[in-house]
Each structure stands twice: as structure tokens, then as C-alpha cells.
N, C-alpha and C. Protein backbone atom coordinates (compact mmCIF):
# COMPACT_ATOMS: atom_id res chain seq x y z
N UNK A 1 26.01 -31.39 -76.95
CA UNK A 1 26.40 -31.39 -75.48
C UNK A 1 26.84 -32.76 -75.18
N UNK A 2 27.78 -32.83 -74.45
CA UNK A 2 28.51 -34.09 -74.02
C UNK A 2 28.84 -33.98 -72.57
N UNK A 3 29.11 -35.18 -72.10
CA UNK A 3 29.44 -35.34 -70.67
C UNK A 3 30.41 -36.56 -70.45
N UNK A 4 31.77 -36.27 -70.55
CA UNK A 4 32.70 -37.34 -70.40
C UNK A 4 32.77 -37.83 -69.00
N UNK A 5 33.19 -38.97 -68.77
CA UNK A 5 33.73 -39.97 -69.81
C UNK A 5 32.71 -40.63 -70.50
N UNK A 6 33.12 -41.22 -71.68
CA UNK A 6 32.16 -41.63 -72.66
C UNK A 6 32.28 -43.25 -72.66
N UNK A 7 31.18 -43.83 -73.06
CA UNK A 7 31.18 -45.29 -73.16
C UNK A 7 32.04 -45.67 -74.43
N UNK A 8 32.49 -46.89 -74.50
CA UNK A 8 32.40 -47.93 -73.52
C UNK A 8 33.27 -47.69 -72.29
N UNK A 9 32.64 -48.03 -71.15
CA UNK A 9 33.30 -47.68 -69.79
C UNK A 9 34.44 -48.78 -69.40
N UNK A 10 35.45 -48.24 -68.77
CA UNK A 10 36.47 -49.23 -68.15
C UNK A 10 36.04 -49.12 -66.70
N UNK A 11 36.71 -49.86 -65.81
CA UNK A 11 36.37 -49.77 -64.46
C UNK A 11 36.78 -48.36 -63.93
N UNK A 12 37.93 -47.74 -64.35
CA UNK A 12 38.23 -46.45 -63.96
C UNK A 12 37.28 -45.44 -64.42
N UNK A 13 36.75 -45.49 -65.68
CA UNK A 13 35.76 -44.36 -66.14
C UNK A 13 34.50 -44.64 -65.53
N UNK A 14 34.15 -45.94 -65.30
CA UNK A 14 32.85 -46.22 -64.72
C UNK A 14 32.80 -45.63 -63.25
N UNK A 15 33.86 -45.86 -62.57
CA UNK A 15 33.99 -45.37 -61.15
C UNK A 15 34.00 -43.84 -61.18
N UNK A 16 34.66 -43.16 -62.06
CA UNK A 16 34.64 -41.68 -62.23
C UNK A 16 33.09 -41.27 -62.62
N UNK A 17 32.47 -41.86 -63.40
CA UNK A 17 31.02 -41.60 -63.79
C UNK A 17 30.13 -41.59 -62.49
N UNK A 18 30.29 -42.52 -61.73
CA UNK A 18 29.63 -42.88 -60.55
C UNK A 18 29.80 -41.58 -59.52
N UNK A 19 31.13 -41.29 -59.30
CA UNK A 19 31.38 -40.28 -58.41
C UNK A 19 30.91 -38.97 -58.85
N UNK A 20 30.99 -38.74 -60.16
CA UNK A 20 30.44 -37.42 -60.72
C UNK A 20 28.93 -37.29 -60.40
N UNK A 21 28.23 -38.33 -60.69
CA UNK A 21 26.77 -38.31 -60.36
C UNK A 21 26.52 -38.15 -59.01
N UNK A 22 27.25 -38.88 -58.17
CA UNK A 22 27.06 -38.60 -56.64
C UNK A 22 27.39 -37.08 -56.25
N UNK A 23 28.45 -36.59 -56.70
CA UNK A 23 28.78 -35.18 -56.32
C UNK A 23 27.73 -34.23 -56.91
N UNK A 24 27.22 -34.42 -58.10
CA UNK A 24 26.20 -33.51 -58.62
C UNK A 24 24.96 -33.71 -57.84
N UNK A 25 24.45 -34.98 -57.50
CA UNK A 25 23.22 -35.04 -56.63
C UNK A 25 23.40 -34.40 -55.32
N UNK A 26 24.47 -34.55 -54.76
CA UNK A 26 24.80 -33.78 -53.41
C UNK A 26 24.69 -32.44 -53.35
N UNK A 27 24.66 -31.67 -54.57
CA UNK A 27 24.65 -30.30 -54.74
C UNK A 27 23.00 -29.94 -54.51
N UNK A 28 22.20 -30.90 -54.64
CA UNK A 28 20.72 -30.72 -54.67
C UNK A 28 20.32 -29.67 -55.68
N UNK A 29 21.08 -29.44 -56.67
CA UNK A 29 20.70 -28.35 -57.69
C UNK A 29 20.17 -28.97 -58.92
N UNK A 30 18.80 -28.88 -59.05
CA UNK A 30 18.18 -29.54 -60.20
C UNK A 30 18.67 -29.06 -61.57
N UNK A 31 19.00 -27.72 -61.59
CA UNK A 31 19.54 -27.08 -62.82
C UNK A 31 20.80 -27.73 -63.28
N UNK A 32 21.74 -28.09 -62.28
CA UNK A 32 22.97 -28.73 -62.55
C UNK A 32 22.75 -30.18 -62.94
N UNK A 33 22.05 -30.88 -62.05
CA UNK A 33 21.90 -32.31 -62.16
C UNK A 33 21.29 -32.71 -63.52
N UNK A 34 20.23 -32.02 -64.00
CA UNK A 34 19.49 -32.47 -65.10
C UNK A 34 20.31 -32.42 -66.50
N UNK A 35 21.36 -31.70 -66.45
CA UNK A 35 22.17 -31.55 -67.57
C UNK A 35 23.07 -32.86 -67.91
N UNK A 36 23.09 -33.82 -66.92
CA UNK A 36 23.75 -35.08 -67.18
C UNK A 36 22.90 -36.09 -67.91
N UNK A 37 21.59 -35.68 -68.21
CA UNK A 37 20.60 -36.59 -68.86
C UNK A 37 20.30 -36.12 -70.28
N UNK A 38 19.98 -37.02 -71.19
CA UNK A 38 19.60 -36.88 -72.45
C UNK A 38 18.24 -35.93 -72.39
N UNK A 39 18.00 -35.13 -73.39
CA UNK A 39 16.76 -34.37 -73.44
C UNK A 39 15.50 -35.25 -73.40
N UNK A 40 15.70 -36.52 -73.90
CA UNK A 40 14.49 -37.42 -73.73
C UNK A 40 14.70 -38.53 -72.78
N UNK A 41 15.53 -38.33 -71.81
CA UNK A 41 15.95 -39.49 -70.85
C UNK A 41 14.62 -39.89 -70.15
N UNK A 42 14.63 -41.18 -69.98
CA UNK A 42 13.47 -41.86 -69.22
C UNK A 42 13.93 -42.45 -67.93
N UNK A 43 13.18 -42.25 -66.96
CA UNK A 43 13.30 -42.79 -65.64
C UNK A 43 12.39 -43.74 -65.09
N UNK A 44 12.67 -44.52 -64.13
CA UNK A 44 11.76 -45.07 -63.15
C UNK A 44 12.37 -44.89 -61.76
N UNK A 45 11.65 -44.16 -60.88
CA UNK A 45 12.12 -43.91 -59.63
C UNK A 45 10.96 -44.29 -58.75
N UNK A 46 10.97 -45.32 -58.07
CA UNK A 46 9.88 -45.77 -57.16
C UNK A 46 8.74 -45.98 -58.09
N UNK A 47 7.52 -45.23 -57.75
CA UNK A 47 6.43 -45.34 -58.64
C UNK A 47 6.29 -44.16 -59.65
N UNK A 48 7.30 -43.38 -59.75
CA UNK A 48 7.34 -42.31 -60.65
C UNK A 48 8.06 -42.42 -61.86
N UNK A 49 7.64 -42.04 -62.98
CA UNK A 49 8.23 -42.19 -64.33
C UNK A 49 8.42 -40.99 -65.08
N UNK A 50 9.32 -40.04 -64.60
CA UNK A 50 9.58 -38.87 -65.34
C UNK A 50 10.22 -39.10 -66.62
N UNK A 51 9.94 -38.34 -67.68
CA UNK A 51 10.63 -38.57 -69.03
C UNK A 51 10.95 -37.08 -69.54
N UNK A 52 12.14 -36.90 -69.89
CA UNK A 52 12.54 -35.58 -70.52
C UNK A 52 13.04 -34.66 -69.31
N UNK A 53 13.93 -33.81 -69.79
CA UNK A 53 14.59 -32.94 -68.71
C UNK A 53 13.59 -32.11 -67.94
N UNK A 54 12.51 -31.62 -68.47
CA UNK A 54 11.58 -30.74 -67.70
C UNK A 54 10.97 -31.62 -66.69
N UNK A 55 10.58 -32.82 -66.91
CA UNK A 55 9.86 -33.67 -65.94
C UNK A 55 10.96 -34.03 -64.81
N UNK A 56 12.13 -34.41 -65.30
CA UNK A 56 13.09 -34.78 -64.37
C UNK A 56 13.57 -33.57 -63.39
N UNK A 57 13.57 -32.47 -63.95
CA UNK A 57 13.98 -31.27 -63.22
C UNK A 57 12.69 -31.02 -62.17
N UNK A 58 11.54 -31.14 -62.64
CA UNK A 58 10.30 -31.08 -61.63
C UNK A 58 10.46 -32.21 -60.52
N UNK A 59 10.77 -33.27 -60.96
CA UNK A 59 10.82 -34.47 -59.93
C UNK A 59 11.96 -34.21 -58.91
N UNK A 60 13.06 -33.73 -59.33
CA UNK A 60 14.24 -33.49 -58.53
C UNK A 60 13.88 -32.29 -57.56
N UNK A 61 13.29 -31.20 -58.21
CA UNK A 61 12.85 -30.12 -57.19
C UNK A 61 11.99 -30.63 -56.14
N UNK A 62 10.95 -31.38 -56.37
CA UNK A 62 10.04 -31.85 -55.44
C UNK A 62 10.74 -32.77 -54.45
N UNK A 63 11.76 -33.79 -54.98
CA UNK A 63 12.37 -34.61 -54.08
C UNK A 63 13.17 -33.94 -53.02
N UNK A 64 13.93 -32.89 -53.50
CA UNK A 64 14.78 -32.19 -52.47
C UNK A 64 14.09 -31.27 -51.66
N UNK A 65 12.80 -30.88 -52.03
CA UNK A 65 12.02 -30.01 -51.11
C UNK A 65 11.42 -30.95 -49.92
N UNK A 66 11.20 -32.24 -50.19
CA UNK A 66 10.65 -33.11 -49.29
C UNK A 66 11.80 -33.93 -48.46
N UNK A 67 12.85 -34.12 -49.03
CA UNK A 67 14.02 -34.84 -48.42
C UNK A 67 15.08 -33.88 -47.99
N UNK A 68 14.91 -33.38 -46.84
CA UNK A 68 15.76 -32.27 -46.28
C UNK A 68 17.06 -32.90 -45.80
N UNK A 69 18.10 -32.11 -45.91
CA UNK A 69 19.49 -32.34 -45.49
C UNK A 69 20.03 -33.78 -46.18
N UNK A 70 19.71 -33.84 -47.40
CA UNK A 70 19.93 -35.10 -48.09
C UNK A 70 21.51 -35.25 -48.26
N UNK A 71 22.00 -36.37 -48.00
CA UNK A 71 23.38 -36.72 -48.32
C UNK A 71 23.42 -38.08 -48.83
N UNK A 72 24.15 -38.31 -49.89
CA UNK A 72 24.23 -39.50 -50.77
C UNK A 72 25.61 -40.06 -50.99
N UNK A 73 25.57 -41.47 -50.87
CA UNK A 73 26.94 -42.19 -51.30
C UNK A 73 26.50 -43.10 -52.41
N UNK A 74 27.09 -43.14 -53.55
CA UNK A 74 26.97 -44.12 -54.53
C UNK A 74 28.20 -45.06 -54.74
N UNK A 75 28.05 -46.30 -55.11
CA UNK A 75 29.26 -47.15 -55.34
C UNK A 75 28.94 -47.96 -56.61
N UNK A 76 29.95 -48.09 -57.30
CA UNK A 76 29.84 -48.98 -58.58
C UNK A 76 29.57 -50.39 -58.26
N UNK A 77 28.56 -51.03 -58.94
CA UNK A 77 28.31 -52.46 -58.77
C UNK A 77 28.72 -53.20 -59.99
N UNK A 78 28.39 -52.68 -61.23
CA UNK A 78 28.90 -53.49 -62.39
C UNK A 78 28.84 -52.47 -63.48
N UNK A 79 29.50 -52.91 -64.61
CA UNK A 79 29.52 -52.04 -65.82
C UNK A 79 29.81 -52.86 -67.01
N UNK A 80 29.32 -52.47 -68.13
CA UNK A 80 29.67 -53.19 -69.35
C UNK A 80 29.17 -52.25 -70.64
N UNK A 81 30.08 -51.94 -71.47
CA UNK A 81 29.74 -51.14 -72.58
C UNK A 81 29.24 -49.79 -72.21
N UNK A 82 27.84 -49.41 -72.49
CA UNK A 82 27.32 -48.18 -72.15
C UNK A 82 26.49 -48.20 -70.99
N UNK A 83 26.54 -49.25 -70.20
CA UNK A 83 25.78 -49.43 -69.02
C UNK A 83 26.59 -49.42 -67.71
N UNK A 84 25.96 -48.93 -66.64
CA UNK A 84 26.56 -49.02 -65.44
C UNK A 84 25.48 -49.29 -64.37
N UNK A 85 25.76 -50.01 -63.36
CA UNK A 85 24.83 -50.38 -62.29
C UNK A 85 25.54 -49.90 -61.01
N UNK A 86 24.73 -49.29 -60.19
CA UNK A 86 25.30 -48.75 -58.91
C UNK A 86 24.34 -49.16 -57.72
N UNK A 87 24.87 -49.22 -56.57
CA UNK A 87 23.99 -49.25 -55.30
C UNK A 87 24.33 -48.02 -54.46
N UNK A 88 23.44 -47.48 -53.76
CA UNK A 88 23.52 -46.36 -53.03
C UNK A 88 22.79 -46.30 -51.75
N UNK A 89 23.17 -45.32 -50.90
CA UNK A 89 22.31 -45.12 -49.69
C UNK A 89 22.25 -43.51 -49.52
N UNK A 90 21.28 -43.04 -48.96
CA UNK A 90 21.27 -41.67 -48.76
C UNK A 90 20.51 -41.38 -47.54
N UNK A 91 20.74 -40.28 -46.66
CA UNK A 91 20.14 -39.99 -45.51
C UNK A 91 19.44 -38.59 -45.69
N UNK A 92 18.35 -38.55 -45.07
CA UNK A 92 17.55 -37.35 -45.17
C UNK A 92 16.45 -37.32 -44.08
N UNK A 93 15.77 -36.15 -43.81
CA UNK A 93 14.67 -36.17 -42.81
C UNK A 93 13.55 -35.51 -43.57
N UNK A 94 12.23 -35.75 -42.96
CA UNK A 94 11.15 -35.18 -43.46
C UNK A 94 10.78 -33.99 -42.72
N UNK A 95 9.67 -33.40 -42.99
CA UNK A 95 9.12 -32.13 -42.39
C UNK A 95 8.97 -32.19 -40.85
N UNK A 96 8.67 -33.48 -40.43
CA UNK A 96 8.50 -33.69 -38.93
C UNK A 96 9.73 -34.04 -38.25
N UNK A 97 10.87 -34.22 -38.91
CA UNK A 97 12.15 -34.31 -38.37
C UNK A 97 12.51 -35.78 -38.23
N UNK A 98 11.70 -36.72 -38.72
CA UNK A 98 12.03 -38.14 -38.80
C UNK A 98 13.07 -38.30 -39.87
N UNK A 99 14.27 -38.98 -39.44
CA UNK A 99 15.38 -39.36 -40.30
C UNK A 99 15.21 -40.64 -41.00
N UNK A 100 15.77 -40.74 -42.21
CA UNK A 100 15.57 -42.03 -42.88
C UNK A 100 16.88 -42.23 -43.56
N UNK A 101 17.27 -43.56 -43.76
CA UNK A 101 18.37 -44.01 -44.58
C UNK A 101 17.68 -44.75 -45.82
N UNK A 102 17.83 -44.14 -47.06
CA UNK A 102 17.23 -44.82 -48.14
C UNK A 102 18.36 -45.62 -48.93
N UNK A 103 17.99 -46.91 -49.17
CA UNK A 103 18.98 -47.82 -49.81
C UNK A 103 18.38 -48.21 -51.18
N UNK A 104 19.29 -48.28 -52.10
CA UNK A 104 18.75 -48.64 -53.45
C UNK A 104 19.85 -49.05 -54.43
N UNK A 105 19.23 -49.42 -55.68
CA UNK A 105 20.07 -49.85 -56.84
C UNK A 105 19.62 -48.98 -57.97
N UNK A 106 20.60 -48.75 -58.86
CA UNK A 106 20.11 -47.99 -60.10
C UNK A 106 20.89 -48.74 -61.33
N UNK A 107 20.15 -48.76 -62.45
CA UNK A 107 20.75 -49.15 -63.67
C UNK A 107 20.59 -47.99 -64.58
N UNK A 108 21.86 -47.78 -65.22
CA UNK A 108 21.94 -46.52 -66.10
C UNK A 108 22.34 -47.01 -67.54
N UNK A 109 21.82 -46.29 -68.51
CA UNK A 109 22.13 -46.59 -69.80
C UNK A 109 22.59 -45.15 -70.45
N UNK A 110 23.72 -45.08 -71.20
CA UNK A 110 24.23 -44.02 -71.54
C UNK A 110 24.33 -43.85 -73.09
N UNK A 111 24.16 -42.65 -73.66
CA UNK A 111 24.30 -42.39 -75.15
C UNK A 111 26.00 -42.18 -75.51
N UNK A 112 26.26 -42.19 -76.61
CA UNK A 112 27.60 -41.96 -77.20
C UNK A 112 28.22 -40.78 -76.61
N UNK A 113 27.43 -39.81 -76.29
CA UNK A 113 28.02 -38.51 -75.66
C UNK A 113 28.14 -38.42 -74.18
N UNK A 114 27.99 -39.66 -73.54
CA UNK A 114 28.08 -39.70 -72.05
C UNK A 114 26.89 -39.18 -71.23
N UNK A 115 25.80 -39.00 -72.04
CA UNK A 115 24.60 -38.46 -71.28
C UNK A 115 23.75 -39.70 -70.93
N UNK A 116 23.04 -39.69 -69.85
CA UNK A 116 22.23 -40.72 -69.24
C UNK A 116 20.84 -40.78 -70.05
N UNK A 117 20.65 -41.79 -70.87
CA UNK A 117 19.46 -41.96 -71.45
C UNK A 117 18.32 -42.66 -70.78
N UNK A 118 18.67 -43.58 -69.79
CA UNK A 118 17.76 -44.20 -68.97
C UNK A 118 18.34 -44.37 -67.58
N UNK A 119 17.43 -44.34 -66.65
CA UNK A 119 17.81 -44.55 -65.20
C UNK A 119 16.62 -45.23 -64.53
N UNK A 120 16.93 -46.52 -63.97
CA UNK A 120 15.83 -47.15 -63.24
C UNK A 120 16.32 -47.53 -61.90
N UNK A 121 15.59 -46.95 -60.99
CA UNK A 121 15.95 -47.02 -59.54
C UNK A 121 14.98 -47.76 -58.74
N UNK A 122 15.42 -48.57 -57.89
CA UNK A 122 14.59 -49.37 -56.77
C UNK A 122 15.15 -48.80 -55.49
N UNK A 123 14.25 -48.28 -54.56
CA UNK A 123 14.65 -47.62 -53.37
C UNK A 123 13.68 -48.19 -52.16
N UNK A 124 14.45 -48.40 -50.95
CA UNK A 124 13.70 -48.75 -49.83
C UNK A 124 14.16 -47.69 -48.78
N UNK A 125 13.28 -47.20 -47.99
CA UNK A 125 13.38 -46.13 -46.96
C UNK A 125 13.45 -46.92 -45.43
N UNK A 126 14.52 -46.65 -44.81
CA UNK A 126 14.56 -47.26 -43.42
C UNK A 126 14.64 -46.03 -42.46
N UNK A 127 13.56 -46.07 -41.58
CA UNK A 127 13.58 -44.91 -40.50
C UNK A 127 14.85 -45.12 -39.60
N UNK A 128 15.41 -44.21 -39.17
CA UNK A 128 16.59 -44.10 -38.34
C UNK A 128 16.48 -43.14 -37.28
N UNK A 129 17.16 -43.17 -36.18
CA UNK A 129 17.28 -42.10 -35.29
C UNK A 129 18.33 -41.14 -35.66
N UNK A 130 18.18 -39.91 -35.31
CA UNK A 130 19.25 -38.92 -35.72
C UNK A 130 20.58 -39.33 -35.27
N UNK A 131 20.75 -39.87 -34.07
CA UNK A 131 21.93 -40.42 -33.60
C UNK A 131 22.61 -41.47 -34.36
N UNK A 132 21.79 -42.14 -35.10
CA UNK A 132 22.28 -43.32 -36.02
C UNK A 132 22.79 -42.81 -37.33
N UNK A 133 22.69 -41.67 -37.68
CA UNK A 133 23.18 -41.05 -38.97
C UNK A 133 24.61 -41.44 -39.13
N UNK A 134 25.02 -41.63 -40.36
CA UNK A 134 26.43 -41.86 -40.80
C UNK A 134 27.06 -41.00 -41.83
N UNK A 135 26.03 -40.20 -42.29
CA UNK A 135 26.47 -39.24 -43.47
C UNK A 135 26.38 -37.75 -42.70
N UNK A 136 27.44 -37.22 -42.33
CA UNK A 136 27.34 -36.08 -41.57
C UNK A 136 28.21 -34.86 -42.09
N UNK A 137 28.61 -35.04 -43.30
CA UNK A 137 29.49 -33.93 -43.83
C UNK A 137 28.61 -32.68 -44.09
N UNK A 138 29.27 -31.50 -44.31
CA UNK A 138 28.55 -30.27 -44.65
C UNK A 138 27.82 -30.47 -46.04
N UNK A 139 26.90 -29.70 -46.21
CA UNK A 139 26.03 -29.80 -47.56
C UNK A 139 27.01 -29.70 -48.69
N UNK A 140 26.73 -30.47 -49.64
CA UNK A 140 27.51 -30.54 -50.94
C UNK A 140 28.23 -31.77 -51.10
N UNK A 141 29.12 -31.92 -52.00
CA UNK A 141 29.88 -33.29 -52.26
C UNK A 141 30.41 -33.95 -51.05
N UNK A 142 30.36 -35.18 -51.05
CA UNK A 142 31.03 -35.97 -49.97
C UNK A 142 32.48 -35.70 -49.92
N UNK A 143 33.20 -35.40 -48.78
CA UNK A 143 34.56 -35.29 -48.74
C UNK A 143 35.34 -36.52 -49.13
N UNK A 144 36.44 -36.37 -49.90
CA UNK A 144 37.33 -37.49 -50.42
C UNK A 144 37.60 -38.53 -49.26
N UNK A 145 37.75 -38.01 -48.01
CA UNK A 145 38.28 -38.96 -46.95
C UNK A 145 37.13 -39.56 -46.29
N UNK A 146 35.82 -39.24 -46.60
CA UNK A 146 34.70 -39.86 -46.02
C UNK A 146 34.62 -41.39 -46.37
N UNK A 147 34.28 -42.24 -45.57
CA UNK A 147 34.16 -43.72 -45.85
C UNK A 147 33.11 -43.98 -47.00
N UNK A 148 33.44 -45.08 -47.72
CA UNK A 148 32.54 -45.53 -48.73
C UNK A 148 31.50 -46.42 -48.06
N UNK A 149 30.42 -46.80 -48.90
CA UNK A 149 29.32 -47.64 -48.25
C UNK A 149 29.94 -48.89 -47.67
N UNK A 150 30.79 -49.58 -48.34
CA UNK A 150 31.32 -50.90 -47.83
C UNK A 150 32.05 -50.64 -46.49
N UNK A 151 32.86 -49.48 -46.38
CA UNK A 151 33.41 -49.17 -45.16
C UNK A 151 32.52 -49.05 -43.99
N UNK A 152 31.34 -48.48 -44.33
CA UNK A 152 30.28 -48.22 -43.22
C UNK A 152 29.42 -49.42 -42.98
N UNK A 153 29.72 -50.67 -43.66
CA UNK A 153 28.83 -51.70 -43.44
C UNK A 153 27.55 -51.64 -44.07
N UNK A 154 27.35 -50.82 -45.02
CA UNK A 154 26.16 -50.59 -45.83
C UNK A 154 26.17 -51.32 -47.09
């Protein structure tokens, strides 16, 4: 199994990889998303450390059950060889209807087949009012014309 583009990344292919990841996560489909990771991929996501596709799938299933109406934007921060760093923000609400904007950074390590072998994420949640939401597109991938994080002042 492979997932182009492959390392070593150029600026163009790194940006492509970031947008592909964003689009996949915005589907909120763990079956689809988990295929971008190696069978033995290791993660750090806040205080959770899933390893392997089965644990990552369970993690994503729980995440999107809790984080309702999830909308994500990722942006390339840096790249070199088989590594990419991104910053991101996503909006969601909990069961009580409280909205949040979660801000974070991720460091990614890819194998030669373009699959992510490691993902290290640091994330902070900011409560926001529903009226302050900036990510209002219909469920699914972000429309091409929607502003980037930088354009939104994030």
C-alpha cells in the first residue's frame, strides 16, 4: 500500500500532502483516514498515545463522536526530507452545545511509501460563542475558495 506524494517532499508536494490530510479528516470517516497511516503508526495526541491502525481507528471514532460538527483547516509550517510540520485549527461543539476552536501543531514522519509512521500533536482548546465561528462550510472537505488560517488571522 502506498499514498503519494512520496518523500522527500518539495514545497509543492508537502502542501499537497497537508491538504490531502485536511480533506480526509474533514470527512470524519475513520475507515478512510486510518489508511493514510502505517500499520504500526505511533501517535501522541494530547495525553493519548494510540499505536497501530486499530487503536488509531478507535481514537478517531471516539474523537468525532465527542467533537460534533468538526471542521478543520491545516497549513504547512515546515518540511524536510520525509518530515512535515503543520499548524491547524478546528471548530467543534460538545454535547452541551458549547463551541470550541482548537489550535495546534503536528509533526509528521512518513515512510518511503508516503504513509505516516508518526504523528505528534499538541492541541489547545479555546471556548468560543457560536457567533464567533469562522469555519461554516457544509460537512466534508473545505471548499477551495474558503480562506486559509493566515487569511482568518489564526
